[in-house]
C-alpha atoms as a PDB file:
ATOM      1  CA  MET A   1      50.714 -44.607  22.384  1.00  0.00           C
ATOM      2  CA  ARG A   2      50.623 -42.414  19.375  1.00  0.00           C
ATOM      3  CA  ARG A   3      52.784 -39.383  19.284  1.00  0.00           C
ATOM      4  CA  PHE A   4      51.509 -36.037  18.071  1.00  0.00           C
ATOM      5  CA  SER A   5      53.575 -34.483  15.385  1.00  0.00           C
ATOM      6  CA  GLN A   6      53.740 -31.021  13.996  1.00  0.00           C
ATOM      7  CA  ARG A   7      51.623 -32.049  11.023  1.00  0.00           C
ATOM      8  CA  SER A   8      48.466 -32.474  13.105  1.00  0.00           C
ATOM      9  CA  TYR A   9      48.541 -28.811  14.000  1.00  0.00           C
ATOM     10  CA  LEU A  10      48.615 -27.749  10.368  1.00  0.00           C
ATOM     11  CA  VAL A  11      45.321 -29.421   9.488  1.00  0.00           C
ATOM     12  CA  THR A  12      42.689 -26.848   8.502  1.00  0.00           C
ATOM     13  CA  LEU A  13      39.081 -26.958   9.579  1.00  0.00           C
ATOM     14  CA  SER A  14      36.890 -28.319   6.850  1.00  0.00           C
ATOM     15  CA  GLU A  15      33.606 -27.518   8.615  1.00  0.00           C
ATOM     16  CA  ILE A  16      31.851 -24.189   8.867  1.00  0.00           C
ATOM     17  CA  ASN A  17      29.864 -23.437  11.988  1.00  0.00           C
ATOM     18  CA  ILE A  18      26.464 -22.261  10.690  1.00  0.00           C
ATOM     19  CA  THR A  19      24.904 -21.531  14.090  1.00  0.00           C
ATOM     20  CA  PRO A  20      25.724 -17.777  13.975  1.00  0.00           C
ATOM     21  CA  LEU A  21      24.361 -17.604  10.406  1.00  0.00           C
ATOM     22  CA  LEU A  22      21.078 -19.188  11.483  1.00  0.00           C
ATOM     23  CA  ASP A  23      20.830 -16.776  14.416  1.00  0.00           C
ATOM     24  CA  LEU A  24      21.288 -13.864  12.045  1.00  0.00           C
ATOM     25  CA  ALA A  25      18.686 -15.239   9.635  1.00  0.00           C
ATOM     26  CA  PHE A  26      16.110 -15.623  12.416  1.00  0.00           C
ATOM     27  CA  VAL A  27      16.761 -12.102  13.717  1.00  0.00           C
ATOM     28  CA  LEU A  28      16.301 -10.652  10.233  1.00  0.00           C
ATOM     29  CA  LEU A  29      13.129 -12.664   9.739  1.00  0.00           C
ATOM     30  CA  ILE A  30      11.672 -11.367  12.998  1.00  0.00           C
ATOM     31  CA  ILE A  31      12.594  -7.775  12.107  1.00  0.00           C
ATOM     32  CA  PHE A  32      10.893  -8.038   8.704  1.00  0.00           C
ATOM     33  CA  VAL A  33       7.785  -9.679  10.164  1.00  0.00           C
ATOM     34  CA  ILE A  34       7.431  -6.872  12.701  1.00  0.00           C
ATOM     35  CA  THR A  35       8.165  -3.940  10.361  1.00  0.00           C
ATOM     36  CA  THR A  36       6.129  -5.020   7.311  1.00  0.00           C
ATOM     37  CA  PRO A  37       2.710  -4.094   8.771  1.00  0.00           C
ATOM     38  CA  LEU A  38       4.113  -0.738   9.851  1.00  0.00           C
ATOM     39  CA  LEU A  39       5.078   0.117   6.258  1.00  0.00           C
ATOM     40  CA  GLU A  40       1.474   0.124   5.029  1.00  0.00           C
ATOM     41  CA  GLN A  41       0.295   3.708   5.099  1.00  0.00           C
ATOM     42  CA  SER A  42      -3.414   3.273   4.688  1.00  0.00           C
ATOM     43  CA  ILE A  43      -5.978   5.512   6.324  1.00  0.00           C
ATOM     44  CA  ASN A  44      -8.520   4.171   8.822  1.00  0.00           C
ATOM     45  CA  LEU A  45     -11.928   4.847   7.306  1.00  0.00           C
ATOM     46  CA  LYS A  46     -15.475   4.167   8.415  1.00  0.00           C
ATOM     47  CA  LEU A  47     -17.479   3.968   5.186  1.00  0.00           C
ATOM     48  CA  PRO A  48     -21.214   4.664   5.083  1.00  0.00           C
ATOM     49  CA  ARG A  49     -23.596   1.731   4.479  1.00  0.00           C
ATOM     50  CA  GLY A  50     -25.539   1.077   1.281  1.00  0.00           C
ATOM     51  CA  GLY A  51     -24.961   0.618  -2.405  1.00  0.00           C
ATOM     52  CA  GLN A  52     -25.052  -2.196  -4.927  1.00  0.00           C
ATOM     53  CA  PRO A  53     -22.490  -4.965  -5.484  1.00  0.00           C
ATOM     54  CA  ASP A  54     -19.741  -4.135  -7.976  1.00  0.00           C
ATOM     55  CA  LYS A  55     -19.866  -5.087 -11.629  1.00  0.00           C
ATOM     56  CA  SER A  56     -16.755  -6.651 -13.097  1.00  0.00           C
ATOM     57  CA  VAL A  57     -14.103  -4.041 -13.856  1.00  0.00           C
ATOM     58  CA  ASN A  58     -10.522  -4.495 -14.972  1.00  0.00           C
ATOM     59  CA  LYS A  59      -8.263  -4.012 -11.914  1.00  0.00           C
ATOM     60  CA  ARG A  60      -5.678  -2.100 -13.967  1.00  0.00           C
ATOM     61  CA  ASP A  61      -8.257   0.627 -14.697  1.00  0.00           C
ATOM     62  CA  ILE A  62      -8.998   1.364 -11.018  1.00  0.00           C
ATOM     63  CA  ARG A  63      -7.269   3.939  -8.823  1.00  0.00           C
ATOM     64  CA  THR A  64      -8.479   4.261  -5.234  1.00  0.00           C
ATOM     65  CA  VAL A  65      -8.479   7.615  -3.470  1.00  0.00           C
ATOM     66  CA  GLU A  66      -9.075   7.618   0.281  1.00  0.00           C
ATOM     67  CA  ILE A  67     -10.104  10.698   2.251  1.00  0.00           C
ATOM     68  CA  SER A  68      -9.889  10.658   6.039  1.00  0.00           C
ATOM     69  CA  ASN A  69     -12.194  12.611   8.325  1.00  0.00           C
ATOM     70  CA  THR A  70      -9.329  15.084   8.910  1.00  0.00           C
ATOM     71  CA  GLY A  71      -8.873  15.770   5.191  1.00  0.00           C
ATOM     72  CA  VAL A  72      -5.838  13.573   4.483  1.00  0.00           C
ATOM     73  CA  TYR A  73      -5.783  12.237   0.905  1.00  0.00           C
ATOM     74  CA  ALA A  74      -4.179   8.957  -0.191  1.00  0.00           C
ATOM     75  CA  LEU A  75      -3.851   7.527  -3.702  1.00  0.00           C
ATOM     76  CA  ASP A  76      -3.539   3.728  -3.636  1.00  0.00           C
ATOM     77  CA  ARG A  77      -2.520   3.852   0.066  1.00  0.00           C
ATOM     78  CA  GLN A  78       0.154   6.510  -0.488  1.00  0.00           C
ATOM     79  CA  ARG A  79      -0.528   9.814   1.275  1.00  0.00           C
ATOM     80  CA  MET A  80      -0.108  12.975  -0.760  1.00  0.00           C
ATOM     81  CA  PRO A  81      -1.561  16.476  -1.123  1.00  0.00           C
ATOM     82  CA  LEU A  82      -4.611  16.956  -3.338  1.00  0.00           C
ATOM     83  CA  THR A  83      -2.720  18.849  -6.066  1.00  0.00           C
ATOM     84  CA  GLU A  84      -0.142  16.061  -6.490  1.00  0.00           C
ATOM     85  CA  LEU A  85      -2.931  13.465  -6.402  1.00  0.00           C
ATOM     86  CA  ILE A  86      -4.822  15.188  -9.225  1.00  0.00           C
ATOM     87  CA  THR A  87      -1.599  15.551 -11.249  1.00  0.00           C
ATOM     88  CA  ARG A  88      -0.931  11.803 -10.998  1.00  0.00           C
ATOM     89  CA  LEU A  89      -4.543  10.900 -11.802  1.00  0.00           C
ATOM     90  CA  ALA A  90      -4.550  13.201 -14.837  1.00  0.00           C
ATOM     91  CA  ALA A  91      -1.307  11.665 -16.129  1.00  0.00           C
ATOM     92  CA  GLU A  92      -2.703   8.161 -15.714  1.00  0.00           C
ATOM     93  CA  PHE A  93      -5.984   9.195 -17.352  1.00  0.00           C
ATOM     94  CA  HIS A  94      -4.138  10.467 -20.436  1.00  0.00           C
ATOM     95  CA  SER A  95      -2.331   7.129 -20.766  1.00  0.00           C
ATOM     96  CA  ASN A  96      -5.441   5.065 -19.908  1.00  0.00           C
ATOM     97  CA  PRO A  97      -8.807   6.632 -20.873  1.00  0.00           C
ATOM     98  CA  ASN A  98     -10.688   3.758 -19.153  1.00  0.00           C
ATOM     99  CA  LEU A  99      -9.501   4.970 -15.734  1.00  0.00           C
ATOM    100  CA  ILE A 100     -12.061   4.785 -12.925  1.00  0.00           C
ATOM    101  CA  VAL A 101     -11.445   6.588  -9.639  1.00  0.00           C
ATOM    102  CA  PHE A 102     -12.856   4.867  -6.561  1.00  0.00           C
ATOM    103  CA  ILE A 103     -13.443   7.473  -3.851  1.00  0.00           C
ATOM    104  CA  ARG A 104     -13.467   6.103  -0.304  1.00  0.00           C
ATOM    105  CA  ALA A 105     -14.308   8.884   2.147  1.00  0.00           C
ATOM    106  CA  ASP A 106     -14.894   8.594   5.877  1.00  0.00           C
ATOM    107  CA  GLU A 107     -18.565   8.982   6.753  1.00  0.00           C
ATOM    108  CA  ASP A 108     -17.763  11.480   9.530  1.00  0.00           C
ATOM    109  CA  GLY A 109     -15.557  13.673   7.332  1.00  0.00           C
ATOM    110  CA  PRO A 110     -16.678  16.966   5.795  1.00  0.00           C
ATOM    111  CA  TYR A 111     -18.272  16.672   2.368  1.00  0.00           C
ATOM    112  CA  LYS A 112     -16.194  19.556   1.009  1.00  0.00           C
ATOM    113  CA  ASN A 113     -13.159  17.230   0.761  1.00  0.00           C
ATOM    114  CA  VAL A 114     -15.103  14.880  -1.514  1.00  0.00           C
ATOM    115  CA  ALA A 115     -16.518  17.802  -3.501  1.00  0.00           C
ATOM    116  CA  ASP A 116     -13.011  19.263  -4.006  1.00  0.00           C
ATOM    117  CA  LEU A 117     -11.736  15.928  -5.297  1.00  0.00           C
ATOM    118  CA  ILE A 118     -14.672  15.425  -7.692  1.00  0.00           C
ATOM    119  CA  ASP A 119     -14.407  19.019  -8.953  1.00  0.00           C
ATOM    120  CA  ARG A 120     -10.699  18.735  -9.660  1.00  0.00           C
ATOM    121  CA  CYS A 121     -11.170  15.339 -11.325  1.00  0.00           C
ATOM    122  CA  GLN A 122     -13.744  16.868 -13.665  1.00  0.00           C
ATOM    123  CA  GLN A 123     -11.414  19.787 -14.425  1.00  0.00           C
ATOM    124  CA  ALA A 124      -8.726  17.241 -15.373  1.00  0.00           C
ATOM    125  CA  GLY A 125     -11.217  15.468 -17.675  1.00  0.00           C
ATOM    126  CA  ILE A 126     -11.744  12.437 -15.423  1.00  0.00           C
ATOM    127  CA  THR A 127     -15.477  11.762 -15.465  1.00  0.00           C
ATOM    128  CA  ARG A 128     -15.618   8.141 -14.344  1.00  0.00           C
ATOM    129  CA  TYR A 129     -15.558   7.817 -10.589  1.00  0.00           C
ATOM    130  CA  SER A 130     -17.391   5.806  -7.971  1.00  0.00           C
ATOM    131  CA  LEU A 131     -18.256   6.813  -4.417  1.00  0.00           C
ATOM    132  CA  ARG A 132     -17.556   3.703  -2.354  1.00  0.00           C
ATOM    133  CA  THR A 133     -19.683   2.514   0.573  1.00  0.00           C
ATOM    134  CA  GLU A 134     -19.870  -0.542   2.795  1.00  0.00           C
ATOM    135  CA  PRO A 135     -22.284  -3.103   1.307  1.00  0.00           C
ATOM    136  CA  ALA A 136     -25.684  -3.278   2.995  1.00  0.00           C
ATOM    137  CA  LYS A 137     -26.241  -6.358   5.137  1.00  0.00           C
END
């Protein structure tokens, strides 16, 4: 039989156990998959029917404003008060005069919210906007 010497106890492990690392990676993946849809802060809207199909427009020139039926405003899916929204639109309009504002308002919401937005856009010099609807079937 072979005798065990003191040298066999001094041998270091040359392998790394990656099982805990894989467990951690899968947990992080599951957390990100679950939380990503929760990070989108869009507003649920029910658009009115009608309208014509869109003409081709450069995507960089479009800013979308959404107005909920309770009067909540969102610029490109980011909620903000109307005054801050107009300030950002005016700043973008001064840097890009081809800016077009797409207005998506809930069909059950009060019209005064849309009128306030259009009025303030015109005061800021933004005259190109489009009232968005669901396409007719």
